[in-house]
Amino acid sequence: MRFDFNFYSSLLLVFFVHGLVYAILLCRKGILKENTADKWLSLFLILCILHISPWMLGFGGWYDNQPYRDILFYTPFQHLFFIGPVIFFYVQRLLNPSFKFGKKEWLHLLPGIIYILYSIVMVVADKIFFKRYYFLADGEDRDFDTWYQLAGFTSMVFYFLLSLRYFTVYKKLMVQVTSYADTLLFKWIKNFLYAFLIMLAVRLIFFVGGFFPYFQKIGYIGPWWEYFSFAIIFYYIAITGYSNAIETTIPFKLNLLHYKRVMLLHNTIAEETQPNNAIEDAEIIEIETAGIIAKEDENLLAEWKPKVLQFIQTEKAYEDAELSLTQVARQLKTNPTIISKVINQGFKQNFNDFINYYRIEAVKEKLKAGEQKTQTLLGIAYDCGFNSKATFNRSFKKSMGISPKEFVMNL
């Protein structure tokens, strides 16, 4: 097989091989651990290495020699309509264990499938019917048609915004339904979206740059730097994505067209009491608007505030490091919507901050009692329900304005 090794082809070849290795490793990891998110990331890496292939092979001499030229012409290497949906599916599966790839998800892949069929039509027409270049009479690779590049870029921007929206609502949900939100708002997904945004920015910069004389003078070398930059970014995604081991365990349904509502999949009331009501509707109530209390909610708050305080304070429910809104609702034999309203409107806090407040108060009591003389600060924090040093330090300083060590020194 022909391949001219030079500076441009060899550098992209390195990223091609490494990307392929990580794609295989992620696929294997996903199969062994039954983790669909890793499989989606593996597919994303496959699409990335295919994306840089025309420039790697082109500088390797394929465009100048047959039959390699026709392979590049008729094989759709750049699947721009698939990259966006695959990223969106990856984000959903990573954040939501209830995400399943169903019939609706196939619709997202329809433009990419149509483009593959279009490529097949070109092969059949040129090689069988016309037996000459018809679709490719201008000698240009259809993957680089302006309409396709612009449509593909638009698709990727659209799915980036959908993914960002999904992540934003997810973060709002976690602080409303868990008391350990810090461990669920993991940095990887944010870094992944940042990396993809940089990919889009690089493509936009080089596309706009193509209209300037300097870029036009350097010919194919200019766009090569775009694909080299693209390769560096997907290599970062491959390394950090493979090392990510955090998964969420809170399943939910989400309508991205609605700003504040999600559907929790776990019923808060024991199944034996309402076996046919498996889904609860929980509203994410913004803290900023929590002070606006409807007339019908006043009686609700008067009834449930003492019950919530009794459960949290007297029974020390905050000591459970994985306490969630659904658990509180289950213990009080109600639904998460009511508990969410009581905490947001009645206490002017989200659930995560509300529970951490009582954990911090418990830590302060232990410190004032001198328990730091017999055990570590972290040990005291764990006893009071915190599940990590970082979360404890951050929550304590947010509440008290000083670090736990400074608080002990002041004592």
Protein backbone atom coordinates (compact mmCIF):
# COMPACT_ATOMS: atom_id res chain seq x y z
CA MET A 1 0.00 0.00 0.00
CA ARG A 2 1.33 3.38 -0.98
CA PHE A 3 2.12 5.91 1.75
CA ASP A 4 4.68 8.68 1.37
CA PHE A 5 6.16 9.41 4.78
CA ASN A 6 6.83 13.11 5.23
CA PHE A 7 6.37 15.75 7.90
CA TYR A 8 2.69 16.33 7.17
CA SER A 9 1.52 12.77 6.61
CA SER A 10 3.60 11.25 9.41
CA LEU A 11 2.40 13.63 12.13
CA LEU A 12 -1.25 12.93 11.32
CA LEU A 13 -0.47 9.21 11.12
CA VAL A 14 0.75 9.29 14.74
CA PHE A 15 -2.56 10.76 15.91
CA PHE A 16 -4.50 8.39 13.66
CA VAL A 17 -2.86 5.32 15.21
CA HIS A 18 -3.13 6.59 18.79
CA GLY A 19 -6.76 7.60 18.27
CA LEU A 20 -7.53 4.15 16.89
CA VAL A 21 -5.85 2.47 19.88
CA TYR A 22 -7.84 4.54 22.36
CA ALA A 23 -11.05 3.88 20.42
CA ILE A 24 -10.43 0.12 20.71
CA LEU A 25 -9.56 0.42 24.40
CA LEU A 26 -12.69 2.45 25.13
CA CYS A 27 -14.86 0.00 23.23
CA ARG A 28 -13.33 -2.89 25.18
CA LYS A 29 -13.81 -1.02 28.46
CA GLY A 30 -17.42 -0.30 27.57
CA ILE A 31 -18.11 -3.96 26.78
CA LEU A 32 -16.40 -5.31 29.92
CA LYS A 33 -18.07 -2.80 32.24
CA GLU A 34 -21.33 -2.66 30.27
CA ASN A 35 -20.90 1.09 30.01
CA THR A 36 -22.57 2.53 26.93
CA ALA A 37 -20.96 5.95 27.46
CA ASP A 38 -17.49 4.53 26.73
CA LYS A 39 -18.83 2.97 23.53
CA TRP A 40 -20.20 6.31 22.37
CA LEU A 41 -16.85 7.98 23.09
CA SER A 42 -15.13 5.18 21.18
CA LEU A 43 -17.37 5.88 18.18
CA PHE A 44 -16.59 9.59 18.46
CA LEU A 45 -12.84 8.84 18.25
CA ILE A 46 -13.42 6.65 15.19
CA LEU A 47 -15.21 9.55 13.51
CA CYS A 48 -12.31 11.85 14.47
CA ILE A 49 -9.60 9.66 12.97
CA LEU A 50 -11.68 9.26 9.81
CA HIS A 51 -12.03 13.04 9.74
CA ILE A 52 -8.26 13.60 9.48
CA SER A 53 -7.71 10.65 7.11
CA PRO A 54 -8.11 12.52 3.78
CA TRP A 55 -5.35 14.97 4.76
CA MET A 56 -3.11 12.28 6.17
CA LEU A 57 -3.53 10.08 3.08
CA GLY A 58 -3.54 13.04 0.72
CA PHE A 59 -0.09 14.16 1.90
CA GLY A 60 0.83 10.48 1.74
CA GLY A 61 0.35 10.58 -2.04
CA TRP A 62 -3.11 9.08 -2.42
CA TYR A 63 -4.73 11.96 -4.32
CA ASP A 64 -1.99 11.78 -6.95
CA ASN A 65 -2.14 8.05 -7.67
CA GLN A 66 -4.77 5.50 -8.67
CA PRO A 67 -6.62 3.53 -7.36
CA TYR A 68 -6.02 5.45 -4.12
CA ARG A 69 -7.42 8.64 -5.61
CA ASP A 70 -10.80 7.00 -6.26
CA ILE A 71 -10.83 5.49 -2.77
CA LEU A 72 -10.53 8.98 -1.30
CA PHE A 73 -13.06 10.41 -3.76
CA TYR A 74 -15.79 7.84 -3.29
CA THR A 75 -15.35 6.91 0.40
CA PRO A 76 -17.08 9.31 2.82
CA PHE A 77 -14.35 9.83 5.40
CA GLN A 78 -15.75 13.03 6.89
CA HIS A 79 -19.00 12.14 8.66
CA LEU A 80 -19.87 15.63 9.79
CA PHE A 81 -23.56 14.82 10.35
CA PHE A 82 -22.66 12.00 12.77
CA ILE A 83 -20.17 13.82 15.02
CA GLY A 84 -22.73 16.13 16.66
CA PRO A 85 -25.35 13.46 17.50
CA VAL A 86 -22.69 11.06 18.83
CA ILE A 87 -21.42 13.75 21.20
CA PHE A 88 -24.97 14.47 22.34
CA PHE A 89 -25.63 10.76 22.99
CA TYR A 90 -22.35 10.47 24.91
CA VAL A 91 -23.22 13.42 27.16
CA GLN A 92 -26.71 12.05 27.83
CA ARG A 93 -25.48 8.56 28.66
CA LEU A 94 -22.69 9.88 30.86
CA LEU A 95 -25.03 12.08 32.90
CA ASN A 96 -28.19 10.00 32.84
CA PRO A 97 -28.10 6.22 33.43
CA SER A 98 -31.68 5.93 32.15
CA PHE A 99 -30.74 7.13 28.63
CA LYS A 100 -31.49 4.49 26.02
CA PHE A 101 -30.83 4.62 22.28
CA GLY A 102 -34.27 4.14 20.74
CA LYS A 103 -36.27 4.90 17.63
CA LYS A 104 -36.29 8.67 18.26
CA GLU A 105 -32.50 8.72 18.44
CA TRP A 106 -32.24 7.23 14.95
CA LEU A 107 -33.78 10.43 13.59
CA HIS A 108 -30.70 12.34 14.74
CA LEU A 109 -28.57 10.10 12.52
CA LEU A 110 -30.79 10.43 9.44
CA PRO A 111 -28.80 13.26 7.75
CA GLY A 112 -25.57 11.23 8.11
CA ILE A 113 -27.25 8.12 6.71
CA ILE A 114 -28.58 10.11 3.75
CA TYR A 115 -25.06 11.40 3.02
CA ILE A 116 -23.71 7.82 3.02
CA LEU A 117 -26.48 6.82 0.57
CA TYR A 118 -25.53 9.83 -1.57
CA SER A 119 -21.94 8.56 -1.64
CA ILE A 120 -23.13 5.10 -2.70
CA VAL A 121 -25.19 6.64 -5.52
CA MET A 122 -22.04 8.44 -6.75
CA VAL A 123 -20.06 5.18 -6.84
CA VAL A 124 -22.82 3.28 -8.67
CA ALA A 125 -23.41 6.09 -11.16
CA ASP A 126 -19.76 6.80 -12.00
CA LYS A 127 -18.40 3.26 -11.93
CA ILE A 128 -21.31 1.23 -13.32
CA PHE A 129 -23.63 3.46 -15.37
CA PHE A 130 -21.46 6.28 -16.75
CA LYS A 131 -18.10 4.50 -16.34
CA ARG A 132 -16.45 7.86 -16.01
CA TYR A 133 -16.31 10.77 -13.59
CA TYR A 134 -19.78 12.31 -13.59
CA PHE A 135 -20.38 13.42 -10.03
CA LEU A 136 -16.65 14.04 -9.68
CA ALA A 137 -16.08 15.63 -13.09
CA ASP A 138 -14.55 18.70 -11.45
CA GLY A 139 -11.86 16.54 -9.80
CA GLU A 140 -12.85 17.61 -6.30
CA ASP A 141 -13.58 15.41 -3.28
CA ARG A 142 -17.26 15.77 -2.37
CA ASP A 143 -16.39 15.64 1.34
CA PHE A 144 -14.98 19.15 0.97
CA ASP A 145 -17.93 20.72 -0.85
CA THR A 146 -18.74 24.05 0.75
CA TRP A 147 -22.40 23.14 1.33
CA TYR A 148 -21.44 19.95 3.16
CA GLN A 149 -18.77 21.60 5.30
CA LEU A 150 -21.13 24.43 6.29
CA ALA A 151 -24.08 22.09 6.95
CA GLY A 152 -21.84 19.77 8.96
CA PHE A 153 -20.43 22.65 11.01
CA THR A 154 -23.97 23.91 11.70
CA SER A 155 -24.99 20.43 12.83
CA MET A 156 -22.04 20.20 15.24
CA VAL A 157 -22.79 23.66 16.69
CA PHE A 158 -26.44 22.69 17.16
CA TYR A 159 -25.60 19.48 19.02
CA PHE A 160 -22.95 21.24 21.09
CA LEU A 161 -25.62 23.67 22.29
CA LEU A 162 -27.98 20.78 23.04
CA SER A 163 -25.26 19.03 25.04
CA LEU A 164 -24.43 22.21 26.92
CA ARG A 165 -28.11 22.73 27.70
CA TYR A 166 -28.39 19.15 28.95
CA PHE A 167 -25.37 19.57 31.22
CA THR A 168 -26.68 22.89 32.57
CA VAL A 169 -30.05 21.42 33.53
CA TYR A 170 -28.30 18.36 34.96
CA LYS A 171 -26.26 20.56 37.30
CA LYS A 172 -29.42 22.34 38.46
CA LEU A 173 -31.08 19.00 39.07
CA MET A 174 -28.23 17.52 41.10
CA VAL A 175 -28.19 20.32 43.68
CA GLN A 176 -31.96 19.97 44.04
CA VAL A 177 -32.15 16.20 44.54
CA THR A 178 -28.83 15.14 46.13
CA SER A 179 -26.79 16.14 49.15
CA TYR A 180 -23.52 15.13 47.46
CA ALA A 181 -23.80 17.20 44.28
CA ASP A 182 -20.11 18.15 44.25
CA THR A 183 -19.08 14.58 43.51
CA LEU A 184 -21.60 14.37 40.64
CA LEU A 185 -20.67 17.65 38.95
CA PHE A 186 -17.45 16.09 37.70
CA LYS A 187 -15.01 18.21 35.72
CA TRP A 188 -14.54 15.79 32.83
CA ILE A 189 -17.83 16.50 31.11
CA LYS A 190 -17.19 20.26 31.35
CA ASN A 191 -13.67 19.83 29.97
CA PHE A 192 -15.03 17.60 27.20
CA LEU A 193 -17.49 20.29 26.12
CA TYR A 194 -14.75 22.92 26.29
CA ALA A 195 -12.56 20.74 24.06
CA PHE A 196 -15.33 20.28 21.52
CA LEU A 197 -15.99 24.03 21.56
CA ILE A 198 -12.32 24.61 20.73
CA MET A 199 -12.69 22.15 17.84
CA LEU A 200 -15.56 24.24 16.49
CA ALA A 201 -13.62 27.48 17.02
CA VAL A 202 -10.61 26.11 15.12
CA ARG A 203 -12.80 25.07 12.19
CA LEU A 204 -14.45 28.49 12.11
CA ILE A 205 -11.12 30.34 12.26
CA PHE A 206 -9.64 28.39 9.36
CA PHE A 207 -12.85 28.63 7.32
CA VAL A 208 -12.90 32.41 7.66
CA GLY A 209 -9.13 32.53 7.11
CA GLY A 210 -9.61 30.82 3.75
CA PHE A 211 -11.02 34.06 2.38
CA PHE A 212 -7.80 35.96 3.09
CA PRO A 213 -4.94 36.14 0.55
CA TYR A 214 -2.33 34.75 2.97
CA PHE A 215 -4.23 31.51 3.52
CA GLN A 216 -4.89 31.19 -0.20
CA LYS A 217 -1.17 31.52 -0.99
CA ILE A 218 -0.06 28.66 1.26
CA GLY A 219 -2.52 26.27 -0.43
CA TYR A 220 -3.03 22.90 1.24
CA ILE A 221 -0.60 23.65 4.06
CA GLY A 222 -3.01 26.07 5.72
CA PRO A 223 -5.92 23.62 6.11
CA TRP A 224 -3.42 20.94 7.23
CA TRP A 225 -2.84 22.97 10.40
CA GLU A 226 -6.59 22.90 11.05
CA TYR A 227 -6.62 19.10 10.94
CA PHE A 228 -3.44 18.91 13.00
CA SER A 229 -5.09 21.09 15.67
CA PHE A 230 -8.21 18.92 15.45
CA ALA A 231 -6.04 15.84 16.02
CA ILE A 232 -4.41 17.31 19.12
CA ILE A 233 -7.81 18.08 20.64
CA PHE A 234 -9.32 14.65 20.01
CA TYR A 235 -6.13 13.07 21.38
CA TYR A 236 -6.69 15.01 24.62
CA ILE A 237 -10.31 13.81 24.66
CA ALA A 238 -9.14 10.23 24.13
CA ILE A 239 -6.67 10.27 27.03
CA THR A 240 -8.85 12.05 29.58
CA GLY A 241 -12.04 10.30 28.49
CA TYR A 242 -10.46 6.88 28.91
CA SER A 243 -9.27 7.76 32.42
CA ASN A 244 -12.69 9.06 33.52
CA ALA A 245 -14.25 6.62 35.97
CA ILE A 246 -17.11 8.71 37.38
CA GLU A 247 -20.70 7.92 36.47
CA THR A 248 -23.95 9.31 37.78
CA THR A 249 -26.59 7.08 39.30
CA ILE A 250 -29.58 9.46 39.29
CA PRO A 251 -31.88 8.58 36.38
CA PHE A 252 -34.24 11.23 35.03
CA LYS A 253 -36.27 12.23 32.01
CA LEU A 254 -35.76 15.67 30.55
CA ASN A 255 -37.59 17.78 28.01
CA LEU A 256 -35.02 20.23 26.67
CA LEU A 257 -37.76 22.51 25.38
CA HIS A 258 -38.95 23.16 28.94
CA TYR A 259 -36.65 25.18 31.15
CA LYS A 260 -37.46 23.96 34.64
CA ARG A 261 -39.10 20.54 34.65
CA VAL A 262 -37.58 17.09 34.74
CA MET A 263 -39.04 13.66 35.44
CA LEU A 264 -37.46 11.58 38.17
CA LEU A 265 -37.63 7.89 37.33
CA HIS A 266 -37.58 6.72 40.95
CA ASN A 267 -40.87 6.92 42.79
CA THR A 268 -40.42 8.42 46.23
CA ILE A 269 -43.33 6.59 47.74
CA ALA A 270 -42.87 2.94 48.54
CA GLU A 271 -43.87 0.76 45.63
CA GLU A 272 -46.25 -1.22 47.78
CA THR A 273 -48.36 1.91 48.38
CA GLN A 274 -48.48 3.08 44.77
CA PRO A 275 -47.18 0.27 42.57
CA ASN A 276 -48.40 1.79 39.31
CA ASN A 277 -46.96 5.24 39.84
CA ALA A 278 -43.31 4.73 39.00
CA ILE A 279 -42.55 8.24 37.79
CA GLU A 280 -42.69 11.39 39.87
CA ASP A 281 -42.79 14.90 38.45
CA ALA A 282 -40.20 17.06 40.24
CA GLU A 283 -39.83 20.73 39.44
CA ILE A 284 -36.45 22.45 39.66
CA ILE A 285 -37.33 25.58 41.60
CA GLU A 286 -34.91 28.46 41.16
CA ILE A 287 -33.68 29.82 44.52
CA GLU A 288 -33.91 33.37 43.18
CA THR A 289 -37.68 33.01 42.77
CA ALA A 290 -38.24 30.89 45.84
CA GLY A 291 -39.53 33.88 47.79
CA ILE A 292 -42.57 34.17 45.53
CA ILE A 293 -44.90 31.79 47.33
CA ALA A 294 -48.29 31.01 45.88
CA LYS A 295 -51.32 31.22 48.16
CA GLU A 296 -51.88 27.48 47.97
CA ASP A 297 -48.27 26.82 48.98
CA GLU A 298 -48.55 28.65 52.31
CA ASN A 299 -50.48 25.81 53.94
CA LEU A 300 -48.08 23.33 52.36
CA LEU A 301 -45.08 25.03 53.95
CA ALA A 302 -46.80 25.34 57.32
CA GLU A 303 -47.52 21.62 57.30
CA TRP A 304 -44.24 20.25 55.96
CA LYS A 305 -41.51 22.54 57.32
CA PRO A 306 -41.71 21.10 60.85
CA LYS A 307 -41.77 17.56 59.47
CA VAL A 308 -38.66 18.16 57.37
CA LEU A 309 -36.80 19.77 60.28
CA GLN A 310 -37.82 16.93 62.58
CA PHE A 311 -36.45 14.35 60.15
CA ILE A 312 -33.20 16.21 59.43
CA GLN A 313 -32.38 17.47 62.93
CA THR A 314 -33.80 14.93 65.35
CA GLU A 315 -33.11 11.81 63.30
CA LYS A 316 -29.81 13.24 61.99
CA ALA A 317 -30.60 12.24 58.41
CA TYR A 318 -27.77 14.49 57.21
CA GLU A 319 -25.25 11.89 58.44
CA ASP A 320 -26.14 9.74 55.43
CA ALA A 321 -23.44 10.72 52.90
CA GLU A 322 -25.71 9.73 49.99
CA LEU A 323 -28.92 11.29 51.24
CA SER A 324 -31.19 12.34 48.39
CA LEU A 325 -34.43 14.21 47.95
CA THR A 326 -36.21 11.00 47.04
CA GLN A 327 -35.04 9.32 50.26
CA VAL A 328 -36.37 12.18 52.37
CA ALA A 329 -39.67 12.10 50.50
CA ARG A 330 -39.88 8.34 50.90
CA GLN A 331 -39.29 8.52 54.65
CA LEU A 332 -41.91 11.24 55.03
CA LYS A 333 -44.32 9.38 52.73
CA THR A 334 -44.73 12.14 50.19
CA ASN A 335 -43.27 13.05 46.77
CA PRO A 336 -40.11 14.99 45.86
CA THR A 337 -42.04 17.94 44.45
CA ILE A 338 -43.42 18.78 47.89
CA ILE A 339 -40.07 18.40 49.65
CA SER A 340 -38.36 20.45 46.93
CA LYS A 341 -40.89 23.27 47.34
CA VAL A 342 -40.61 23.23 51.12
CA ILE A 343 -36.80 23.45 51.07
CA ASN A 344 -36.55 25.97 48.21
CA GLN A 345 -39.41 28.23 49.25
CA GLY A 346 -39.46 27.63 52.98
CA PHE A 347 -35.71 27.61 53.69
CA LYS A 348 -34.53 29.61 50.64
CA GLN A 349 -31.92 26.94 49.77
CA ASN A 350 -31.48 24.09 47.35
CA PHE A 351 -31.44 20.58 48.79
CA ASN A 352 -27.66 20.19 48.57
CA ASP A 353 -26.94 23.43 50.49
CA PHE A 354 -29.73 22.73 52.96
CA ILE A 355 -28.31 19.35 54.02
CA ASN A 356 -24.71 20.60 54.02
CA TYR A 357 -25.75 23.42 56.37
CA TYR A 358 -26.76 20.88 59.03
CA ARG A 359 -23.63 18.85 58.39
CA ILE A 360 -21.51 21.95 58.99
CA GLU A 361 -23.47 22.75 62.15
CA ALA A 362 -22.81 19.21 63.37
CA VAL A 363 -19.08 19.59 62.59
CA LYS A 364 -18.97 22.87 64.51
CA GLU A 365 -20.59 21.26 67.55
CA LYS A 366 -18.04 18.45 67.52
CA LEU A 367 -15.17 20.92 67.17
CA LYS A 368 -16.48 23.04 70.03
CA ALA A 369 -16.65 19.84 72.09
CA GLY A 370 -12.96 19.25 71.35
CA GLU A 371 -13.33 16.08 69.28
CA GLN A 372 -10.52 17.29 66.99
CA LYS A 373 -8.15 16.28 69.78
CA THR A 374 -9.00 12.60 69.33
CA GLN A 375 -9.64 12.37 65.57
CA THR A 376 -8.86 14.24 62.39
CA LEU A 377 -10.92 17.01 60.91
CA LEU A 378 -11.68 14.81 57.92
CA GLY A 379 -12.85 12.01 60.20
CA ILE A 380 -15.25 14.41 61.91
CA ALA A 381 -16.50 15.59 58.51
CA TYR A 382 -17.15 12.00 57.40
CA ASP A 383 -19.04 11.29 60.64
CA CYS A 384 -21.29 14.26 59.90
CA GLY A 385 -22.15 13.11 56.35
CA PHE A 386 -19.52 14.66 54.07
CA ASN A 387 -18.06 12.22 51.57
CA SER A 388 -14.91 14.05 50.46
CA LYS A 389 -12.34 16.48 51.80
CA ALA A 390 -12.84 18.90 48.90
CA THR A 391 -16.60 19.06 49.40
CA PHE A 392 -16.20 19.57 53.15
CA ASN A 393 -13.65 22.39 52.79
CA ARG A 394 -15.63 24.11 50.04
CA SER A 395 -18.97 23.89 51.88
CA PHE A 396 -17.48 24.99 55.21
CA LYS A 397 -15.78 28.04 53.72
CA LYS A 398 -18.91 28.93 51.74
CA SER A 399 -20.99 28.84 54.92
CA MET A 400 -18.54 30.27 57.48
CA GLY A 401 -16.27 32.43 55.35
CA ILE A 402 -13.17 30.69 56.76
CA SER A 403 -11.60 27.25 56.36
CA PRO A 404 -12.14 24.47 58.93
CA LYS A 405 -8.52 24.81 60.12
CA GLU A 406 -8.96 28.55 60.67
CA PHE A 407 -12.15 27.83 62.62
CA VAL A 408 -10.26 25.41 64.89
CA MET A 409 -7.46 27.94 65.40
CA ASN A 410 -10.02 30.57 66.41
CA LEU A 411 -11.45 28.15 68.96
